[in-house]
Amino acid sequence: MLFDEDDINFAVLSSDRFEELCFDLLLRYGFQNLVWRRGGSDSGRDIEGSLTTNNSLIGDVSEK
């Protein structure tokens, strides 16, 4: 299914729902080992995860 910018009304999207959307997108794009990190000066949450891709010269590469 294709989406465009009108499918999500960002003007009414809460910060928590935005972070959940980001988490779901990372899962959808193949990130693994996703972990929520809370705290920090902005009182927001960060998402940490890893993505493994294949590089034809050196093989699998895992990025965090």
N, C-alpha and C. Protein backbone atom coordinates (compact mmCIF):
# COMPACT_ATOMS: atom_id res chain seq x y z
N MET A 1 0.84 -1.18 0.00
CA MET A 1 0.00 0.00 0.00
C MET A 1 0.89 1.24 0.00
N LEU A 2 0.56 2.19 -0.81
CA LEU A 2 1.31 3.44 -0.88
C LEU A 2 0.62 4.51 -0.05
N PHE A 3 1.41 5.31 0.61
CA PHE A 3 0.89 6.40 1.44
C PHE A 3 1.46 7.71 0.93
N ASP A 4 0.76 8.79 1.23
CA ASP A 4 1.32 10.11 0.96
C ASP A 4 1.17 10.98 2.19
N GLU A 5 1.63 12.19 2.12
CA GLU A 5 1.68 13.06 3.30
C GLU A 5 0.30 13.38 3.87
N ASP A 6 -0.76 13.18 3.12
CA ASP A 6 -2.11 13.46 3.61
C ASP A 6 -2.68 12.31 4.44
N ASP A 7 -2.02 11.16 4.47
CA ASP A 7 -2.54 10.01 5.20
C ASP A 7 -2.36 10.13 6.71
N ILE A 8 -1.43 10.95 7.15
CA ILE A 8 -1.21 11.17 8.59
C ILE A 8 -1.29 12.66 8.84
N ASN A 9 -2.15 13.03 9.76
CA ASN A 9 -2.28 14.44 10.13
C ASN A 9 -1.27 14.74 11.25
N PHE A 10 -0.10 15.20 10.87
CA PHE A 10 0.96 15.45 11.84
C PHE A 10 0.62 16.60 12.79
N ALA A 11 -0.32 17.44 12.43
CA ALA A 11 -0.70 18.56 13.29
C ALA A 11 -1.39 18.08 14.57
N VAL A 12 -2.03 16.93 14.52
CA VAL A 12 -2.74 16.42 15.71
C VAL A 12 -2.08 15.17 16.29
N LEU A 13 -0.97 14.75 15.73
CA LEU A 13 -0.26 13.57 16.20
C LEU A 13 0.52 13.91 17.46
N SER A 14 0.23 13.21 18.56
CA SER A 14 0.95 13.48 19.82
C SER A 14 2.40 13.02 19.69
N SER A 15 3.22 13.50 20.60
CA SER A 15 4.64 13.11 20.57
C SER A 15 4.80 11.62 20.82
N ASP A 16 3.99 11.05 21.71
CA ASP A 16 4.07 9.61 21.96
C ASP A 16 3.67 8.80 20.73
N ARG A 17 2.61 9.21 20.06
CA ARG A 17 2.17 8.50 18.85
C ARG A 17 3.19 8.64 17.72
N PHE A 18 3.85 9.81 17.63
CA PHE A 18 4.90 10.00 16.63
C PHE A 18 6.05 9.02 16.87
N GLU A 19 6.45 8.88 18.14
CA GLU A 19 7.54 7.96 18.47
C GLU A 19 7.14 6.52 18.18
N GLU A 20 5.88 6.16 18.43
CA GLU A 20 5.40 4.83 18.10
C GLU A 20 5.41 4.61 16.60
N LEU A 21 5.05 5.63 15.83
CA LEU A 21 5.10 5.55 14.37
C LEU A 21 6.54 5.29 13.91
N CYS A 22 7.49 6.02 14.47
CA CYS A 22 8.90 5.84 14.10
C CYS A 22 9.36 4.42 14.43
N PHE A 23 8.97 3.90 15.59
CA PHE A 23 9.33 2.55 15.99
C PHE A 23 8.77 1.54 14.99
N ASP A 24 7.50 1.69 14.62
CA ASP A 24 6.87 0.79 13.66
C ASP A 24 7.55 0.86 12.29
N LEU A 25 7.95 2.05 11.87
CA LEU A 25 8.65 2.19 10.59
C LEU A 25 9.99 1.48 10.61
N LEU A 26 10.72 1.60 11.72
CA LEU A 26 12.01 0.91 11.82
C LEU A 26 11.82 -0.60 11.75
N LEU A 27 10.79 -1.11 12.42
CA LEU A 27 10.50 -2.55 12.32
C LEU A 27 10.18 -2.93 10.88
N ARG A 28 9.38 -2.14 10.23
CA ARG A 28 8.95 -2.41 8.85
C ARG A 28 10.14 -2.45 7.89
N TYR A 29 11.15 -1.60 8.15
CA TYR A 29 12.30 -1.54 7.26
C TYR A 29 13.42 -2.49 7.66
N GLY A 30 13.14 -3.41 8.59
CA GLY A 30 14.06 -4.49 8.86
C GLY A 30 15.04 -4.29 10.01
N PHE A 31 14.88 -3.22 10.78
CA PHE A 31 15.75 -3.04 11.93
C PHE A 31 15.42 -4.10 12.98
N GLN A 32 16.44 -4.53 13.70
CA GLN A 32 16.28 -5.57 14.71
C GLN A 32 16.81 -5.07 16.04
N ASN A 33 16.47 -5.81 17.09
CA ASN A 33 16.94 -5.50 18.45
C ASN A 33 16.58 -4.07 18.85
N LEU A 34 15.37 -3.65 18.52
CA LEU A 34 14.95 -2.29 18.85
C LEU A 34 14.72 -2.15 20.35
N VAL A 35 15.25 -1.06 20.91
CA VAL A 35 15.14 -0.78 22.33
C VAL A 35 14.77 0.68 22.51
N TRP A 36 13.78 0.93 23.39
CA TRP A 36 13.42 2.32 23.73
C TRP A 36 14.42 2.84 24.75
N ARG A 37 14.86 4.04 24.58
CA ARG A 37 15.72 4.73 25.56
C ARG A 37 14.95 5.96 26.02
N ARG A 38 14.69 6.05 27.31
CA ARG A 38 13.97 7.20 27.86
C ARG A 38 14.94 8.13 28.56
N GLY A 39 14.50 9.38 28.68
CA GLY A 39 15.30 10.34 29.42
C GLY A 39 15.97 11.33 28.50
N GLY A 40 16.92 12.00 29.04
CA GLY A 40 17.61 13.02 28.27
C GLY A 40 17.03 14.39 28.55
N SER A 41 17.69 15.38 28.03
CA SER A 41 17.29 16.76 28.32
C SER A 41 15.97 17.16 27.68
N ASP A 42 15.58 16.47 26.60
CA ASP A 42 14.33 16.85 25.92
C ASP A 42 13.14 16.02 26.39
N SER A 43 13.34 15.13 27.38
CA SER A 43 12.29 14.27 27.93
C SER A 43 11.66 13.37 26.89
N GLY A 44 12.33 13.18 25.78
CA GLY A 44 11.82 12.32 24.73
C GLY A 44 12.35 10.91 24.86
N ARG A 45 12.04 10.10 23.88
CA ARG A 45 12.55 8.74 23.83
C ARG A 45 13.37 8.57 22.57
N ASP A 46 14.42 7.81 22.70
CA ASP A 46 15.25 7.48 21.55
C ASP A 46 15.06 5.99 21.27
N ILE A 47 15.23 5.62 20.03
CA ILE A 47 15.13 4.23 19.64
C ILE A 47 16.49 3.77 19.14
N GLU A 48 16.95 2.67 19.71
CA GLU A 48 18.23 2.10 19.30
C GLU A 48 17.96 0.75 18.68
N GLY A 49 18.64 0.46 17.58
CA GLY A 49 18.47 -0.82 16.93
C GLY A 49 19.62 -1.09 15.97
N SER A 50 19.55 -2.21 15.31
CA SER A 50 20.61 -2.54 14.35
C SER A 50 19.99 -2.99 13.03
N LEU A 51 20.74 -2.76 11.97
CA LEU A 51 20.32 -3.14 10.64
C LEU A 51 21.51 -3.81 9.96
N THR A 52 21.29 -5.02 9.47
CA THR A 52 22.35 -5.75 8.77
C THR A 52 22.09 -5.68 7.28
N THR A 53 23.10 -5.24 6.54
CA THR A 53 23.02 -5.18 5.09
C THR A 53 24.19 -5.96 4.50
N ASN A 54 24.07 -6.27 3.23
CA ASN A 54 25.14 -7.01 2.58
C ASN A 54 25.93 -6.08 1.67
N ASN A 55 27.23 -6.04 1.90
CA ASN A 55 28.14 -5.27 1.07
C ASN A 55 28.88 -6.26 0.18
N SER A 56 28.80 -6.09 -1.12
CA SER A 56 29.38 -7.08 -2.04
C SER A 56 30.90 -7.20 -1.90
N LEU A 57 31.56 -6.19 -1.35
CA LEU A 57 33.02 -6.26 -1.19
C LEU A 57 33.45 -6.95 0.10
N ILE A 58 32.72 -6.72 1.18
CA ILE A 58 33.18 -7.25 2.48
C ILE A 58 32.18 -8.16 3.17
N GLY A 59 31.01 -8.37 2.59
CA GLY A 59 30.01 -9.25 3.19
C GLY A 59 29.00 -8.47 4.03
N ASP A 60 28.44 -9.16 5.02
CA ASP A 60 27.43 -8.56 5.86
C ASP A 60 28.02 -7.44 6.73
N VAL A 61 27.27 -6.36 6.83
CA VAL A 61 27.66 -5.23 7.67
C VAL A 61 26.51 -4.90 8.59
N SER A 62 26.77 -4.85 9.89
CA SER A 62 25.74 -4.51 10.87
C SER A 62 25.97 -3.10 11.36
N GLU A 63 24.93 -2.29 11.26
CA GLU A 63 25.01 -0.90 11.71
C GLU A 63 24.09 -0.72 12.90
N LYS A 64 24.49 0.13 13.83
CA LYS A 64 23.69 0.39 15.03
C LYS A 64 23.20 1.82 14.97
